[in-house]
Amino acid sequence: MNEIYATELLGLGTALAELAVKGTATAVSSKIRAIKEEKNVDKIRNTYDEIISELLNEREEAVRIA
């Protein structure tokens, strides 16, 4: 039984580490810098929607892992 828990905890720890390594802050910062010069409102809106969606997905995954 302890082996089962150890295996599961190892898997969850690995998933959490992968999530942390993704570099969410860096990715978001890069996207925001990239659209600062953009004049197309639709492209700006789509990029912000993408950022928000990505953040929500990563938060949901972190909560699921924890």
PDB file of N, CA and C in Angstrom:
ATOM      1  N   MET A   1       0.821  -1.191   0.000  1.00  0.00           N
ATOM      2  CA  MET A   1       0.000   0.000   0.000  1.00  0.00           C
ATOM      3  C   MET A   1       0.867   1.258   0.000  1.00  0.00           C
ATOM      4  N   ASN A   2       1.932   1.292   0.788  1.00  0.00           N
ATOM      5  CA  ASN A   2       2.805   2.457   0.826  1.00  0.00           C
ATOM      6  C   ASN A   2       3.476   2.700  -0.518  1.00  0.00           C
ATOM      7  N   GLU A   3       3.731   1.615  -1.239  1.00  0.00           N
ATOM      8  CA  GLU A   3       4.342   1.727  -2.548  1.00  0.00           C
ATOM      9  C   GLU A   3       3.411   2.451  -3.520  1.00  0.00           C
ATOM     10  N   ILE A   4       2.141   2.188  -3.405  1.00  0.00           N
ATOM     11  CA  ILE A   4       1.142   2.833  -4.255  1.00  0.00           C
ATOM     12  C   ILE A   4       1.125   4.340  -3.982  1.00  0.00           C
ATOM     13  N   TYR A   5       1.129   4.704  -2.713  1.00  0.00           N
ATOM     14  CA  TYR A   5       1.138   6.123  -2.351  1.00  0.00           C
ATOM     15  C   TYR A   5       2.420   6.803  -2.809  1.00  0.00           C
ATOM     16  N   ALA A   6       3.531   6.128  -2.648  1.00  0.00           N
ATOM     17  CA  ALA A   6       4.817   6.699  -3.058  1.00  0.00           C
ATOM     18  C   ALA A   6       4.854   6.938  -4.560  1.00  0.00           C
ATOM     19  N   THR A   7       4.344   5.995  -5.318  1.00  0.00           N
ATOM     20  CA  THR A   7       4.304   6.136  -6.772  1.00  0.00           C
ATOM     21  C   THR A   7       3.412   7.298  -7.185  1.00  0.00           C
ATOM     22  N   GLU A   8       2.258   7.393  -6.563  1.00  0.00           N
ATOM     23  CA  GLU A   8       1.323   8.477  -6.874  1.00  0.00           C
ATOM     24  C   GLU A   8       1.908   9.836  -6.499  1.00  0.00           C
ATOM     25  N   LEU A   9       2.515   9.923  -5.324  1.00  0.00           N
ATOM     26  CA  LEU A   9       3.127  11.178  -4.890  1.00  0.00           C
ATOM     27  C   LEU A   9       4.273  11.580  -5.812  1.00  0.00           C
ATOM     28  N   LEU A  10       5.039  10.619  -6.263  1.00  0.00           N
ATOM     29  CA  LEU A  10       6.125  10.901  -7.186  1.00  0.00           C
ATOM     30  C   LEU A  10       5.579  11.458  -8.499  1.00  0.00           C
ATOM     31  N   GLY A  11       4.507  10.867  -8.978  1.00  0.00           N
ATOM     32  CA  GLY A  11       3.874  11.351 -10.210  1.00  0.00           C
ATOM     33  C   GLY A  11       3.338  12.764 -10.059  1.00  0.00           C
ATOM     34  N   LEU A  12       2.696  13.034  -8.943  1.00  0.00           N
ATOM     35  CA  LEU A  12       2.160  14.375  -8.692  1.00  0.00           C
ATOM     36  C   LEU A  12       3.277  15.401  -8.537  1.00  0.00           C
ATOM     37  N   GLY A  13       4.343  15.003  -7.856  1.00  0.00           N
ATOM     38  CA  GLY A  13       5.481  15.906  -7.702  1.00  0.00           C
ATOM     39  C   GLY A  13       6.112  16.239  -9.041  1.00  0.00           C
ATOM     40  N   THR A  14       6.223  15.246  -9.891  1.00  0.00           N
ATOM     41  CA  THR A  14       6.776  15.457 -11.225  1.00  0.00           C
ATOM     42  C   THR A  14       5.892  16.400 -12.032  1.00  0.00           C
ATOM     43  N   ALA A  15       4.585  16.196 -11.966  1.00  0.00           N
ATOM     44  CA  ALA A  15       3.652  17.057 -12.693  1.00  0.00           C
ATOM     45  C   ALA A  15       3.722  18.492 -12.191  1.00  0.00           C
ATOM     46  N   LEU A  16       3.839  18.660 -10.889  1.00  0.00           N
ATOM     47  CA  LEU A  16       3.937  20.002 -10.317  1.00  0.00           C
ATOM     48  C   LEU A  16       5.248  20.672 -10.727  1.00  0.00           C
ATOM     49  N   ALA A  17       6.318  19.910 -10.758  1.00  0.00           N
ATOM     50  CA  ALA A  17       7.610  20.456 -11.190  1.00  0.00           C
ATOM     51  C   ALA A  17       7.564  20.875 -12.656  1.00  0.00           C
ATOM     52  N   GLU A  18       6.926  20.075 -13.491  1.00  0.00           N
ATOM     53  CA  GLU A  18       6.791  20.426 -14.904  1.00  0.00           C
ATOM     54  C   GLU A  18       5.999  21.712 -15.060  1.00  0.00           C
ATOM     55  N   LEU A  19       4.975  21.865 -14.274  1.00  0.00           N
ATOM     56  CA  LEU A  19       4.155  23.074 -14.323  1.00  0.00           C
ATOM     57  C   LEU A  19       4.984  24.290 -13.926  1.00  0.00           C
ATOM     58  N   ALA A  20       5.805  24.139 -12.905  1.00  0.00           N
ATOM     59  CA  ALA A  20       6.644  25.251 -12.453  1.00  0.00           C
ATOM     60  C   ALA A  20       7.695  25.602 -13.489  1.00  0.00           C
ATOM     61  N   VAL A  21       8.202  24.612 -14.189  1.00  0.00           N
ATOM     62  CA  VAL A  21       9.266  24.839 -15.161  1.00  0.00           C
ATOM     63  C   VAL A  21       8.737  25.510 -16.420  1.00  0.00           C
ATOM     64  N   LYS A  22       7.465  25.422 -16.665  1.00  0.00           N
ATOM     65  CA  LYS A  22       6.896  26.003 -17.875  1.00  0.00           C
ATOM     66  C   LYS A  22       7.247  27.479 -18.023  1.00  0.00           C
ATOM     67  N   GLY A  23       7.458  28.136 -16.935  1.00  0.00           N
ATOM     68  CA  GLY A  23       7.822  29.544 -16.998  1.00  0.00           C
ATOM     69  C   GLY A  23       6.660  30.428 -17.407  1.00  0.00           C
ATOM     70  N   THR A  24       5.556  30.291 -16.719  1.00  0.00           N
ATOM     71  CA  THR A  24       4.360  31.054 -17.059  1.00  0.00           C
ATOM     72  C   THR A  24       4.622  32.551 -17.063  1.00  0.00           C
ATOM     73  N   ALA A  25       5.296  33.036 -16.061  1.00  0.00           N
ATOM     74  CA  ALA A  25       5.546  34.476 -15.977  1.00  0.00           C
ATOM     75  C   ALA A  25       6.369  34.956 -17.161  1.00  0.00           C
ATOM     76  N   THR A  26       7.355  34.195 -17.550  1.00  0.00           N
ATOM     77  CA  THR A  26       8.196  34.570 -18.686  1.00  0.00           C
ATOM     78  C   THR A  26       7.388  34.565 -19.974  1.00  0.00           C
ATOM     79  N   ALA A  27       6.566  33.551 -20.150  1.00  0.00           N
ATOM     80  CA  ALA A  27       5.753  33.453 -21.355  1.00  0.00           C
ATOM     81  C   ALA A  27       4.765  34.612 -21.457  1.00  0.00           C
ATOM     82  N   VAL A  28       4.111  34.916 -20.352  1.00  0.00           N
ATOM     83  CA  VAL A  28       3.148  36.019 -20.340  1.00  0.00           C
ATOM     84  C   VAL A  28       3.857  37.339 -20.614  1.00  0.00           C
ATOM     85  N   SER A  29       4.974  37.546 -19.977  1.00  0.00           N
ATOM     86  CA  SER A  29       5.746  38.773 -20.173  1.00  0.00           C
ATOM     87  C   SER A  29       6.169  38.925 -21.631  1.00  0.00           C
ATOM     88  N   SER A  30       6.611  37.852 -22.228  1.00  0.00           N
ATOM     89  CA  SER A  30       7.035  37.888 -23.636  1.00  0.00           C
ATOM     90  C   SER A  30       5.871  38.231 -24.553  1.00  0.00           C
ATOM     91  N   LYS A  31       4.711  37.644 -24.297  1.00  0.00           N
ATOM     92  CA  LYS A  31       3.544  37.928 -25.124  1.00  0.00           C
ATOM     93  C   LYS A  31       3.110  39.380 -24.988  1.00  0.00           C
ATOM     94  N   ILE A  32       3.148  39.894 -23.773  1.00  0.00           N
ATOM     95  CA  ILE A  32       2.742  41.288 -23.552  1.00  0.00           C
ATOM     96  C   ILE A  32       3.716  42.231 -24.252  1.00  0.00           C
ATOM     97  N   ARG A  33       5.012  41.953 -24.139  1.00  0.00           N
ATOM     98  CA  ARG A  33       6.008  42.779 -24.837  1.00  0.00           C
ATOM     99  C   ARG A  33       5.795  42.740 -26.342  1.00  0.00           C
ATOM    100  N   ALA A  34       5.441  41.587 -26.857  1.00  0.00           N
ATOM    101  CA  ALA A  34       5.269  41.427 -28.295  1.00  0.00           C
ATOM    102  C   ALA A  34       4.077  42.223 -28.832  1.00  0.00           C
ATOM    103  N   ILE A  35       3.032  42.397 -28.033  1.00  0.00           N
ATOM    104  CA  ILE A  35       1.851  43.095 -28.540  1.00  0.00           C
ATOM    105  C   ILE A  35       1.838  44.588 -28.217  1.00  0.00           C
ATOM    106  N   LYS A  36       2.837  45.082 -27.494  1.00  0.00           N
ATOM    107  CA  LYS A  36       2.850  46.505 -27.142  1.00  0.00           C
ATOM    108  C   LYS A  36       2.871  47.405 -28.377  1.00  0.00           C
ATOM    109  N   GLU A  37       3.513  46.966 -29.428  1.00  0.00           N
ATOM    110  CA  GLU A  37       3.613  47.758 -30.654  1.00  0.00           C
ATOM    111  C   GLU A  37       2.482  47.458 -31.637  1.00  0.00           C
ATOM    112  N   GLU A  38       1.662  46.483 -31.303  1.00  0.00           N
ATOM    113  CA  GLU A  38       0.583  46.068 -32.204  1.00  0.00           C
ATOM    114  C   GLU A  38      -0.512  47.124 -32.262  1.00  0.00           C
ATOM    115  N   LYS A  39      -1.022  47.363 -33.459  1.00  0.00           N
ATOM    116  CA  LYS A  39      -2.092  48.351 -33.650  1.00  0.00           C
ATOM    117  C   LYS A  39      -3.451  47.697 -33.884  1.00  0.00           C
ATOM    118  N   ASN A  40      -3.437  46.438 -34.258  1.00  0.00           N
ATOM    119  CA  ASN A  40      -4.670  45.714 -34.552  1.00  0.00           C
ATOM    120  C   ASN A  40      -5.352  45.308 -33.239  1.00  0.00           C
ATOM    121  N   VAL A  41      -6.500  45.902 -32.980  1.00  0.00           N
ATOM    122  CA  VAL A  41      -7.224  45.670 -31.725  1.00  0.00           C
ATOM    123  C   VAL A  41      -7.657  44.215 -31.595  1.00  0.00           C
ATOM    124  N   ASP A  42      -8.084  43.616 -32.687  1.00  0.00           N
ATOM    125  CA  ASP A  42      -8.522  42.220 -32.626  1.00  0.00           C
ATOM    126  C   ASP A  42      -7.365  41.298 -32.257  1.00  0.00           C
ATOM    127  N   LYS A  43      -6.200  41.536 -32.799  1.00  0.00           N
ATOM    128  CA  LYS A  43      -5.044  40.708 -32.484  1.00  0.00           C
ATOM    129  C   LYS A  43      -4.648  40.889 -31.018  1.00  0.00           C
ATOM    130  N   ILE A  44      -4.711  42.131 -30.531  1.00  0.00           N
ATOM    131  CA  ILE A  44      -4.401  42.400 -29.124  1.00  0.00           C
ATOM    132  C   ILE A  44      -5.388  41.675 -28.223  1.00  0.00           C
ATOM    133  N   ARG A  45      -6.658  41.779 -28.538  1.00  0.00           N
ATOM    134  CA  ARG A  45      -7.702  41.125 -27.741  1.00  0.00           C
ATOM    135  C   ARG A  45      -7.507  39.608 -27.742  1.00  0.00           C
ATOM    136  N   ASN A  46      -7.224  39.036 -28.900  1.00  0.00           N
ATOM    137  CA  ASN A  46      -7.011  37.582 -28.993  1.00  0.00           C
ATOM    138  C   ASN A  46      -5.805  37.145 -28.167  1.00  0.00           C
ATOM    139  N   THR A  47      -4.752  37.947 -28.188  1.00  0.00           N
ATOM    140  CA  THR A  47      -3.560  37.605 -27.412  1.00  0.00           C
ATOM    141  C   THR A  47      -3.859  37.661 -25.926  1.00  0.00           C
ATOM    142  N   TYR A  48      -4.559  38.678 -25.470  1.00  0.00           N
ATOM    143  CA  TYR A  48      -4.922  38.760 -24.055  1.00  0.00           C
ATOM    144  C   TYR A  48      -5.853  37.606 -23.665  1.00  0.00           C
ATOM    145  N   ASP A  49      -6.794  37.256 -24.524  1.00  0.00           N
ATOM    146  CA  ASP A  49      -7.669  36.111 -24.247  1.00  0.00           C
ATOM    147  C   ASP A  49      -6.858  34.825 -24.126  1.00  0.00           C
ATOM    148  N   GLU A  50      -5.870  34.674 -24.990  1.00  0.00           N
ATOM    149  CA  GLU A  50      -5.003  33.499 -24.951  1.00  0.00           C
ATOM    150  C   GLU A  50      -4.203  33.444 -23.648  1.00  0.00           C
ATOM    151  N   ILE A  51      -3.680  34.586 -23.227  1.00  0.00           N
ATOM    152  CA  ILE A  51      -2.916  34.662 -21.975  1.00  0.00           C
ATOM    153  C   ILE A  51      -3.798  34.272 -20.790  1.00  0.00           C
ATOM    154  N   ILE A  52      -4.989  34.833 -20.741  1.00  0.00           N
ATOM    155  CA  ILE A  52      -5.906  34.550 -19.635  1.00  0.00           C
ATOM    156  C   ILE A  52      -6.290  33.078 -19.615  1.00  0.00           C
ATOM    157  N   SER A  53      -6.579  32.530 -20.772  1.00  0.00           N
ATOM    158  CA  SER A  53      -6.941  31.123 -20.867  1.00  0.00           C
ATOM    159  C   SER A  53      -5.795  30.233 -20.397  1.00  0.00           C
ATOM    160  N   GLU A  54      -4.591  30.557 -20.813  1.00  0.00           N
ATOM    161  CA  GLU A  54      -3.420  29.783 -20.410  1.00  0.00           C
ATOM    162  C   GLU A  54      -3.213  29.847 -18.896  1.00  0.00           C
ATOM    163  N   LEU A  55      -3.365  31.034 -18.316  1.00  0.00           N
ATOM    164  CA  LEU A  55      -3.213  31.179 -16.869  1.00  0.00           C
ATOM    165  C   LEU A  55      -4.271  30.390 -16.103  1.00  0.00           C
ATOM    166  N   LEU A  56      -5.500  30.447 -16.570  1.00  0.00           N
ATOM    167  CA  LEU A  56      -6.574  29.704 -15.907  1.00  0.00           C
ATOM    168  C   LEU A  56      -6.350  28.194 -16.005  1.00  0.00           C
ATOM    169  N   ASN A  57      -5.895  27.732 -17.160  1.00  0.00           N
ATOM    170  CA  ASN A  57      -5.620  26.299 -17.325  1.00  0.00           C
ATOM    171  C   ASN A  57      -4.499  25.841 -16.405  1.00  0.00           C
ATOM    172  N   GLU A  58      -3.442  26.633 -16.304  1.00  0.00           N
ATOM    173  CA  GLU A  58      -2.331  26.267 -15.439  1.00  0.00           C
ATOM    174  C   GLU A  58      -2.727  26.317 -13.965  1.00  0.00           C
ATOM    175  N   ARG A  59      -3.559  27.276 -13.597  1.00  0.00           N
ATOM    176  CA  ARG A  59      -4.041  27.343 -12.212  1.00  0.00           C
ATOM    177  C   ARG A  59      -4.884  26.121 -11.896  1.00  0.00           C
ATOM    178  N   GLU A  60      -5.761  25.759 -12.821  1.00  0.00           N
ATOM    179  CA  GLU A  60      -6.608  24.587 -12.621  1.00  0.00           C
ATOM    180  C   GLU A  60      -5.764  23.321 -12.476  1.00  0.00           C
ATOM    181  N   GLU A  61      -4.725  23.211 -13.275  1.00  0.00           N
ATOM    182  CA  GLU A  61      -3.853  22.047 -13.194  1.00  0.00           C
ATOM    183  C   GLU A  61      -3.081  22.028 -11.864  1.00  0.00           C
ATOM    184  N   ALA A  62      -2.629  23.186 -11.419  1.00  0.00           N
ATOM    185  CA  ALA A  62      -1.907  23.263 -10.135  1.00  0.00           C
ATOM    186  C   ALA A  62      -2.829  22.894  -8.977  1.00  0.00           C
ATOM    187  N   VAL A  63      -4.061  23.352  -9.018  1.00  0.00           N
ATOM    188  CA  VAL A  63      -5.019  23.019  -7.957  1.00  0.00           C
ATOM    189  C   VAL A  63      -5.328  21.530  -7.985  1.00  0.00           C
ATOM    190  N   ARG A  64      -5.447  20.964  -9.159  1.00  0.00           N
ATOM    191  CA  ARG A  64      -5.736  19.534  -9.286  1.00  0.00           C
ATOM    192  C   ARG A  64      -4.580  18.714  -8.714  1.00  0.00           C
ATOM    193  N   ILE A  65      -3.357  19.144  -9.003  1.00  0.00           N
ATOM    194  CA  ILE A  65      -2.180  18.418  -8.514  1.00  0.00           C
ATOM    195  C   ILE A  65      -2.066  18.525  -7.002  1.00  0.00           C
ATOM    196  N   ALA A  66      -2.292  19.739  -6.489  1.00  0.00           N
ATOM    197  CA  ALA A  66      -2.153  19.949  -5.047  1.00  0.00           C
ATOM    198  C   ALA A  66      -3.272  19.234  -4.322  1.00  0.00           C
TER     199      ALA A  66
END
